[in-house]
Amino acid sequence: MATSQEPIYTAYTVVKRGEGKDDWWIAIGAAFAHADGEGLNVLLQALPMDGKLVLRPPKIVEEKQPAKNTDRRNDKHRGR
């Protein structure tokens, strides 16, 4: 069956780190919708150690513009 080109979910394994510590969410694959909307193909690059797979919508990554250097203290050392 054909699948969409963009994943509709990212597949994660979640590593519990203990009390007071944030868990590690490790992306291990993606899920793609079938063209007819009647299912998913899940492609994994690794397997979760505990057997639990978490599917979440992918985060939108915005392109970041390079920060402009407004610190002029060292301009004299750059020949300016």
PDB file of N, CA and C in Angstrom:
ATOM      1  N   MET A   1       0.817  -1.188   0.000  1.00  0.00           N
ATOM      2  CA  MET A   1       0.000   0.000   0.000  1.00  0.00           C
ATOM      3  C   MET A   1       0.860   1.252   0.000  1.00  0.00           C
ATOM      4  N   ALA A   2       0.431   2.268  -0.694  1.00  0.00           N
ATOM      5  CA  ALA A   2       1.185   3.523  -0.760  1.00  0.00           C
ATOM      6  C   ALA A   2       1.075   4.279   0.565  1.00  0.00           C
ATOM      7  N   THR A   3       2.111   5.022   0.871  1.00  0.00           N
ATOM      8  CA  THR A   3       2.115   5.823   2.088  1.00  0.00           C
ATOM      9  C   THR A   3       2.392   7.273   1.735  1.00  0.00           C
ATOM     10  N   SER A   4       2.040   8.167   2.678  1.00  0.00           N
ATOM     11  CA  SER A   4       2.339   9.587   2.464  1.00  0.00           C
ATOM     12  C   SER A   4       3.840   9.795   2.564  1.00  0.00           C
ATOM     13  N   GLN A   5       4.306  10.915   2.037  1.00  0.00           N
ATOM     14  CA  GLN A   5       5.745  11.173   2.062  1.00  0.00           C
ATOM     15  C   GLN A   5       6.203  11.783   3.370  1.00  0.00           C
ATOM     16  N   GLU A   6       5.313  12.454   4.100  1.00  0.00           N
ATOM     17  CA  GLU A   6       5.670  13.069   5.376  1.00  0.00           C
ATOM     18  C   GLU A   6       5.126  12.213   6.507  1.00  0.00           C
ATOM     19  N   PRO A   7       5.920  11.985   7.548  1.00  0.00           N
ATOM     20  CA  PRO A   7       5.408  11.189   8.665  1.00  0.00           C
ATOM     21  C   PRO A   7       4.314  11.951   9.412  1.00  0.00           C
ATOM     22  N   ILE A   8       3.304  11.205   9.882  1.00  0.00           N
ATOM     23  CA  ILE A   8       2.269  11.844  10.686  1.00  0.00           C
ATOM     24  C   ILE A   8       2.560  11.673  12.172  1.00  0.00           C
ATOM     25  N   TYR A   9       3.461  10.758  12.501  1.00  0.00           N
ATOM     26  CA  TYR A   9       3.907  10.569  13.879  1.00  0.00           C
ATOM     27  C   TYR A   9       5.402  10.313  13.904  1.00  0.00           C
ATOM     28  N   THR A  10       6.030  10.705  14.995  1.00  0.00           N
ATOM     29  CA  THR A  10       7.406  10.309  15.283  1.00  0.00           C
ATOM     30  C   THR A  10       7.327   9.225  16.341  1.00  0.00           C
ATOM     31  N   ALA A  11       8.111   8.178  16.183  1.00  0.00           N
ATOM     32  CA  ALA A  11       8.136   7.070  17.137  1.00  0.00           C
ATOM     33  C   ALA A  11       9.266   7.296  18.138  1.00  0.00           C
ATOM     34  N   TYR A  12       8.933   7.172  19.423  1.00  0.00           N
ATOM     35  CA  TYR A  12       9.900   7.392  20.494  1.00  0.00           C
ATOM     36  C   TYR A  12       9.956   6.194  21.428  1.00  0.00           C
ATOM     37  N   THR A  13      11.092   6.016  22.054  1.00  0.00           N
ATOM     38  CA  THR A  13      11.200   5.207  23.255  1.00  0.00           C
ATOM     39  C   THR A  13      11.513   6.194  24.369  1.00  0.00           C
ATOM     40  N   VAL A  14      10.932   5.959  25.538  1.00  0.00           N
ATOM     41  CA  VAL A  14      11.108   6.883  26.661  1.00  0.00           C
ATOM     42  C   VAL A  14      11.886   6.166  27.755  1.00  0.00           C
ATOM     43  N   VAL A  15      13.026   6.733  28.101  1.00  0.00           N
ATOM     44  CA  VAL A  15      13.884   6.149  29.141  1.00  0.00           C
ATOM     45  C   VAL A  15      13.623   6.899  30.443  1.00  0.00           C
ATOM     46  N   LYS A  16      13.114   6.190  31.432  1.00  0.00           N
ATOM     47  CA  LYS A  16      12.867   6.783  32.752  1.00  0.00           C
ATOM     48  C   LYS A  16      14.203   7.000  33.441  1.00  0.00           C
ATOM     49  N   ARG A  17      14.395   8.199  34.024  1.00  0.00           N
ATOM     50  CA  ARG A  17      15.680   8.532  34.633  1.00  0.00           C
ATOM     51  C   ARG A  17      15.624   8.637  36.148  1.00  0.00           C
ATOM     52  N   GLY A  18      14.491   8.455  36.740  1.00  0.00           N
ATOM     53  CA  GLY A  18      14.429   8.508  38.187  1.00  0.00           C
ATOM     54  C   GLY A  18      13.800   9.778  38.707  1.00  0.00           C
ATOM     55  N   GLU A  19      13.575   9.781  39.999  1.00  0.00           N
ATOM     56  CA  GLU A  19      12.886  10.888  40.645  1.00  0.00           C
ATOM     57  C   GLU A  19      13.652  12.198  40.498  1.00  0.00           C
ATOM     58  N   GLY A  20      12.923  13.234  40.106  1.00  0.00           N
ATOM     59  CA  GLY A  20      13.520  14.557  39.975  1.00  0.00           C
ATOM     60  C   GLY A  20      14.276  14.793  38.688  1.00  0.00           C
ATOM     61  N   LYS A  21      14.366  13.788  37.826  1.00  0.00           N
ATOM     62  CA  LYS A  21      15.087  13.947  36.561  1.00  0.00           C
ATOM     63  C   LYS A  21      14.114  13.798  35.406  1.00  0.00           C
ATOM     64  N   ASP A  22      14.324  14.586  34.348  1.00  0.00           N
ATOM     65  CA  ASP A  22      13.497  14.468  33.153  1.00  0.00           C
ATOM     66  C   ASP A  22      13.784  13.155  32.445  1.00  0.00           C
ATOM     67  N   ASP A  23      12.732  12.540  31.907  1.00  0.00           N
ATOM     68  CA  ASP A  23      12.913  11.334  31.108  1.00  0.00           C
ATOM     69  C   ASP A  23      13.559  11.695  29.773  1.00  0.00           C
ATOM     70  N   TRP A  24      14.245  10.739  29.176  1.00  0.00           N
ATOM     71  CA  TRP A  24      14.819  10.934  27.843  1.00  0.00           C
ATOM     72  C   TRP A  24      13.841  10.407  26.809  1.00  0.00           C
ATOM     73  N   TRP A  25      13.434  11.257  25.880  1.00  0.00           N
ATOM     74  CA  TRP A  25      12.603  10.851  24.753  1.00  0.00           C
ATOM     75  C   TRP A  25      13.530  10.704  23.560  1.00  0.00           C
ATOM     76  N   ILE A  26      13.688   9.492  23.088  1.00  0.00           N
ATOM     77  CA  ILE A  26      14.627   9.204  22.011  1.00  0.00           C
ATOM     78  C   ILE A  26      13.837   8.819  20.753  1.00  0.00           C
ATOM     79  N   ALA A  27      13.972   9.621  19.700  1.00  0.00           N
ATOM     80  CA  ALA A  27      13.287   9.329  18.436  1.00  0.00           C
ATOM     81  C   ALA A  27      13.929   8.104  17.796  1.00  0.00           C
ATOM     82  N   ILE A  28      13.103   7.094  17.492  1.00  0.00           N
ATOM     83  CA  ILE A  28      13.632   5.862  16.910  1.00  0.00           C
ATOM     84  C   ILE A  28      12.939   5.486  15.599  1.00  0.00           C
ATOM     85  N   GLY A  29      12.035   6.337  15.115  1.00  0.00           N
ATOM     86  CA  GLY A  29      11.370   6.006  13.862  1.00  0.00           C
ATOM     87  C   GLY A  29      10.254   6.974  13.542  1.00  0.00           C
ATOM     88  N   ALA A  30       9.406   6.570  12.595  1.00  0.00           N
ATOM     89  CA  ALA A  30       8.311   7.424  12.146  1.00  0.00           C
ATOM     90  C   ALA A  30       7.159   6.553  11.650  1.00  0.00           C
ATOM     91  N   ALA A  31       5.959   7.136  11.662  1.00  0.00           N
ATOM     92  CA  ALA A  31       4.772   6.455  11.145  1.00  0.00           C
ATOM     93  C   ALA A  31       4.207   7.267   9.990  1.00  0.00           C
ATOM     94  N   PHE A  32       3.869   6.568   8.926  1.00  0.00           N
ATOM     95  CA  PHE A  32       3.351   7.185   7.710  1.00  0.00           C
ATOM     96  C   PHE A  32       1.955   6.636   7.425  1.00  0.00           C
ATOM     97  N   ALA A  33       1.022   7.517   7.074  1.00  0.00           N
ATOM     98  CA  ALA A  33      -0.342   7.108   6.774  1.00  0.00           C
ATOM     99  C   ALA A  33      -0.426   6.448   5.404  1.00  0.00           C
ATOM    100  N   HIS A  34      -1.282   5.436   5.306  1.00  0.00           N
ATOM    101  CA  HIS A  34      -1.574   4.847   4.003  1.00  0.00           C
ATOM    102  C   HIS A  34      -2.350   5.862   3.181  1.00  0.00           C
ATOM    103  N   ALA A  35      -2.220   5.789   1.892  1.00  0.00           N
ATOM    104  CA  ALA A  35      -2.881   6.733   0.994  1.00  0.00           C
ATOM    105  C   ALA A  35      -4.396   6.712   1.168  1.00  0.00           C
ATOM    106  N   ASP A  36      -4.964   5.550   1.519  1.00  0.00           N
ATOM    107  CA  ASP A  36      -6.418   5.462   1.683  1.00  0.00           C
ATOM    108  C   ASP A  36      -6.877   5.851   3.092  1.00  0.00           C
ATOM    109  N   GLY A  37      -5.925   6.235   3.964  1.00  0.00           N
ATOM    110  CA  GLY A  37      -6.266   6.660   5.314  1.00  0.00           C
ATOM    111  C   GLY A  37      -6.647   5.523   6.249  1.00  0.00           C
ATOM    112  N   GLU A  38      -6.452   4.287   5.826  1.00  0.00           N
ATOM    113  CA  GLU A  38      -6.884   3.119   6.600  1.00  0.00           C
ATOM    114  C   GLU A  38      -5.745   2.385   7.285  1.00  0.00           C
ATOM    115  N   GLY A  39      -4.751   3.098   7.728  1.00  0.00           N
ATOM    116  CA  GLY A  39      -3.679   2.421   8.449  1.00  0.00           C
ATOM    117  C   GLY A  39      -2.389   3.201   8.400  1.00  0.00           C
ATOM    118  N   LEU A  40      -1.371   2.629   9.032  1.00  0.00           N
ATOM    119  CA  LEU A  40      -0.059   3.261   9.133  1.00  0.00           C
ATOM    120  C   LEU A  40       1.027   2.253   8.819  1.00  0.00           C
ATOM    121  N   ASN A  41       2.108   2.743   8.279  1.00  0.00           N
ATOM    122  CA  ASN A  41       3.354   1.989   8.219  1.00  0.00           C
ATOM    123  C   ASN A  41       4.279   2.610   9.252  1.00  0.00           C
ATOM    124  N   VAL A  42       4.790   1.809  10.163  1.00  0.00           N
ATOM    125  CA  VAL A  42       5.711   2.296  11.185  1.00  0.00           C
ATOM    126  C   VAL A  42       7.098   1.779  10.818  1.00  0.00           C
ATOM    127  N   LEU A  43       8.014   2.712  10.597  1.00  0.00           N
ATOM    128  CA  LEU A  43       9.382   2.367  10.237  1.00  0.00           C
ATOM    129  C   LEU A  43      10.276   2.696  11.423  1.00  0.00           C
ATOM    130  N   LEU A  44      10.961   1.686  11.952  1.00  0.00           N
ATOM    131  CA  LEU A  44      11.809   1.877  13.121  1.00  0.00           C
ATOM    132  C   LEU A  44      13.271   1.693  12.756  1.00  0.00           C
ATOM    133  N   GLN A  45      14.116   2.520  13.364  1.00  0.00           N
ATOM    134  CA  GLN A  45      15.555   2.395  13.202  1.00  0.00           C
ATOM    135  C   GLN A  45      16.175   1.709  14.411  1.00  0.00           C
ATOM    136  N   ALA A  46      15.380   1.523  15.453  1.00  0.00           N
ATOM    137  CA  ALA A  46      15.817   0.829  16.668  1.00  0.00           C
ATOM    138  C   ALA A  46      14.568   0.277  17.340  1.00  0.00           C
ATOM    139  N   LEU A  47      14.752  -0.614  18.291  1.00  0.00           N
ATOM    140  CA  LEU A  47      13.640  -1.166  19.048  1.00  0.00           C
ATOM    141  C   LEU A  47      13.696  -0.667  20.477  1.00  0.00           C
ATOM    142  N   PRO A  48      12.536  -0.373  21.070  1.00  0.00           N
ATOM    143  CA  PRO A  48      12.547   0.053  22.470  1.00  0.00           C
ATOM    144  C   PRO A  48      12.904  -1.121  23.372  1.00  0.00           C
ATOM    145  N   MET A  49      13.743  -0.865  24.362  1.00  0.00           N
ATOM    146  CA  MET A  49      14.189  -1.925  25.270  1.00  0.00           C
ATOM    147  C   MET A  49      13.044  -2.499  26.099  1.00  0.00           C
ATOM    148  N   ASP A  50      12.083  -1.644  26.474  1.00  0.00           N
ATOM    149  CA  ASP A  50      10.992  -2.104  27.324  1.00  0.00           C
ATOM    150  C   ASP A  50       9.763  -2.556  26.534  1.00  0.00           C
ATOM    151  N   GLY A  51       9.837  -2.511  25.200  1.00  0.00           N
ATOM    152  CA  GLY A  51       8.732  -2.944  24.362  1.00  0.00           C
ATOM    153  C   GLY A  51       7.661  -1.890  24.162  1.00  0.00           C
ATOM    154  N   LYS A  52       7.789  -0.718  24.777  1.00  0.00           N
ATOM    155  CA  LYS A  52       6.797   0.337  24.656  1.00  0.00           C
ATOM    156  C   LYS A  52       7.226   1.341  23.601  1.00  0.00           C
ATOM    157  N   LEU A  53       6.342   1.598  22.662  1.00  0.00           N
ATOM    158  CA  LEU A  53       6.579   2.546  21.586  1.00  0.00           C
ATOM    159  C   LEU A  53       5.594   3.689  21.757  1.00  0.00           C
ATOM    160  N   VAL A  54       6.075   4.929  21.736  1.00  0.00           N
ATOM    161  CA  VAL A  54       5.226   6.114  21.877  1.00  0.00           C
ATOM    162  C   VAL A  54       5.191   6.832  20.535  1.00  0.00           C
ATOM    163  N   LEU A  55       3.988   7.083  20.017  1.00  0.00           N
ATOM    164  CA  LEU A  55       3.814   7.817  18.764  1.00  0.00           C
ATOM    165  C   LEU A  55       3.246   9.186  19.085  1.00  0.00           C
ATOM    166  N   ARG A  56       3.914  10.225  18.608  1.00  0.00           N
ATOM    167  CA  ARG A  56       3.495  11.610  18.829  1.00  0.00           C
ATOM    168  C   ARG A  56       3.592  12.351  17.504  1.00  0.00           C
ATOM    169  N   PRO A  57       2.723  13.355  17.286  1.00  0.00           N
ATOM    170  CA  PRO A  57       2.852  14.156  16.060  1.00  0.00           C
ATOM    171  C   PRO A  57       4.237  14.794  16.001  1.00  0.00           C
ATOM    172  N   PRO A  58       4.824  14.870  14.807  1.00  0.00           N
ATOM    173  CA  PRO A  58       6.158  15.471  14.704  1.00  0.00           C
ATOM    174  C   PRO A  58       6.135  16.938  15.089  1.00  0.00           C
ATOM    175  N   LYS A  59       7.220  17.375  15.695  1.00  0.00           N
ATOM    176  CA  LYS A  59       7.352  18.787  16.031  1.00  0.00           C
ATOM    177  C   LYS A  59       7.719  19.550  14.774  1.00  0.00           C
ATOM    178  N   ILE A  60       7.156  20.738  14.638  1.00  0.00           N
ATOM    179  CA  ILE A  60       7.482  21.586  13.494  1.00  0.00           C
ATOM    180  C   ILE A  60       8.793  22.283  13.804  1.00  0.00           C
ATOM    181  N   VAL A  61       9.764  22.077  12.936  1.00  0.00           N
ATOM    182  CA  VAL A  61      11.077  22.685  13.126  1.00  0.00           C
ATOM    183  C   VAL A  61      11.131  23.942  12.280  1.00  0.00           C
ATOM    184  N   GLU A  62      11.310  25.073  12.956  1.00  0.00           N
ATOM    185  CA  GLU A  62      11.422  26.336  12.249  1.00  0.00           C
ATOM    186  C   GLU A  62      12.883  26.588  11.902  1.00  0.00           C
ATOM    187  N   GLU A  63      13.084  27.144  10.716  1.00  0.00           N
ATOM    188  CA  GLU A  63      14.443  27.507  10.332  1.00  0.00           C
ATOM    189  C   GLU A  63      14.879  28.704  11.156  1.00  0.00           C
ATOM    190  N   LYS A  64      16.026  28.578  11.774  1.00  0.00           N
ATOM    191  CA  LYS A  64      16.533  29.676  12.595  1.00  0.00           C
ATOM    192  C   LYS A  64      17.469  30.538  11.764  1.00  0.00           C
ATOM    193  N   GLN A  65      17.295  31.839  11.908  1.00  0.00           N
ATOM    194  CA  GLN A  65      18.187  32.788  11.258  1.00  0.00           C
ATOM    195  C   GLN A  65      19.438  32.907  12.106  1.00  0.00           C
ATOM    196  N   PRO A  66      20.615  33.012  11.498  1.00  0.00           N
ATOM    197  CA  PRO A  66      21.832  33.194  12.291  1.00  0.00           C
ATOM    198  C   PRO A  66      21.732  34.474  13.110  1.00  0.00           C
ATOM    199  N   ALA A  67      22.140  34.374  14.354  1.00  0.00           N
ATOM    200  CA  ALA A  67      22.101  35.542  15.233  1.00  0.00           C
ATOM    201  C   ALA A  67      23.123  36.563  14.755  1.00  0.00           C
ATOM    202  N   LYS A  68      22.722  37.813  14.759  1.00  0.00           N
ATOM    203  CA  LYS A  68      23.643  38.875  14.388  1.00  0.00           C
ATOM    204  C   LYS A  68      24.494  39.209  15.598  1.00  0.00           C
ATOM    205  N   ASN A  69      25.771  39.378  15.363  1.00  0.00           N
ATOM    206  CA  ASN A  69      26.687  39.713  16.444  1.00  0.00           C
ATOM    207  C   ASN A  69      26.599  41.210  16.706  1.00  0.00           C
ATOM    208  N   THR A  70      25.988  41.561  17.843  1.00  0.00           N
ATOM    209  CA  THR A  70      25.859  42.972  18.193  1.00  0.00           C
ATOM    210  C   THR A  70      26.938  43.402  19.173  1.00  0.00           C
ATOM    211  N   ASP A  71      27.819  42.486  19.519  1.00  0.00           N
ATOM    212  CA  ASP A  71      28.902  42.789  20.459  1.00  0.00           C
ATOM    213  C   ASP A  71      30.065  43.383  19.664  1.00  0.00           C
ATOM    214  N   ARG A  72      30.300  44.650  19.812  1.00  0.00           N
ATOM    215  CA  ARG A  72      31.333  45.354  19.040  1.00  0.00           C
ATOM    216  C   ARG A  72      32.623  45.542  19.841  1.00  0.00           C
ATOM    217  N   ARG A  73      32.735  44.936  20.991  1.00  0.00           N
ATOM    218  CA  ARG A  73      33.914  45.152  21.831  1.00  0.00           C
ATOM    219  C   ARG A  73      35.207  44.712  21.160  1.00  0.00           C
ATOM    220  N   ASN A  74      35.133  43.689  20.325  1.00  0.00           N
ATOM    221  CA  ASN A  74      36.354  43.172  19.710  1.00  0.00           C
ATOM    222  C   ASN A  74      36.551  43.628  18.281  1.00  0.00           C
ATOM    223  N   ASP A  75      35.778  44.616  17.817  1.00  0.00           N
ATOM    224  CA  ASP A  75      35.898  45.075  16.438  1.00  0.00           C
ATOM    225  C   ASP A  75      37.301  45.596  16.118  1.00  0.00           C
ATOM    226  N   LYS A  76      37.956  46.244  17.078  1.00  0.00           N
ATOM    227  CA  LYS A  76      39.294  46.784  16.794  1.00  0.00           C
ATOM    228  C   LYS A  76      40.298  45.663  16.503  1.00  0.00           C
ATOM    229  N   HIS A  77      40.003  44.452  17.007  1.00  0.00           N
ATOM    230  CA  HIS A  77      40.907  43.327  16.764  1.00  0.00           C
ATOM    231  C   HIS A  77      40.616  42.672  15.416  1.00  0.00           C
ATOM    232  N   ARG A  78      39.525  43.017  14.805  1.00  0.00           N
ATOM    233  CA  ARG A  78      39.158  42.441  13.515  1.00  0.00           C
ATOM    234  C   ARG A  78      39.470  43.393  12.372  1.00  0.00           C
ATOM    235  N   GLY A  79      40.146  44.495  12.676  1.00  0.00           N
ATOM    236  CA  GLY A  79      40.505  45.428  11.630  1.00  0.00           C
ATOM    237  C   GLY A  79      39.371  46.360  11.239  1.00  0.00           C
ATOM    238  N   ARG A  80      38.417  46.552  12.135  1.00  0.00           N
ATOM    239  CA  ARG A  80      37.301  47.454  11.842  1.00  0.00           C
ATOM    240  C   ARG A  80      37.448  48.763  12.532  1.00  0.00           C
TER     241      ARG A  80
END
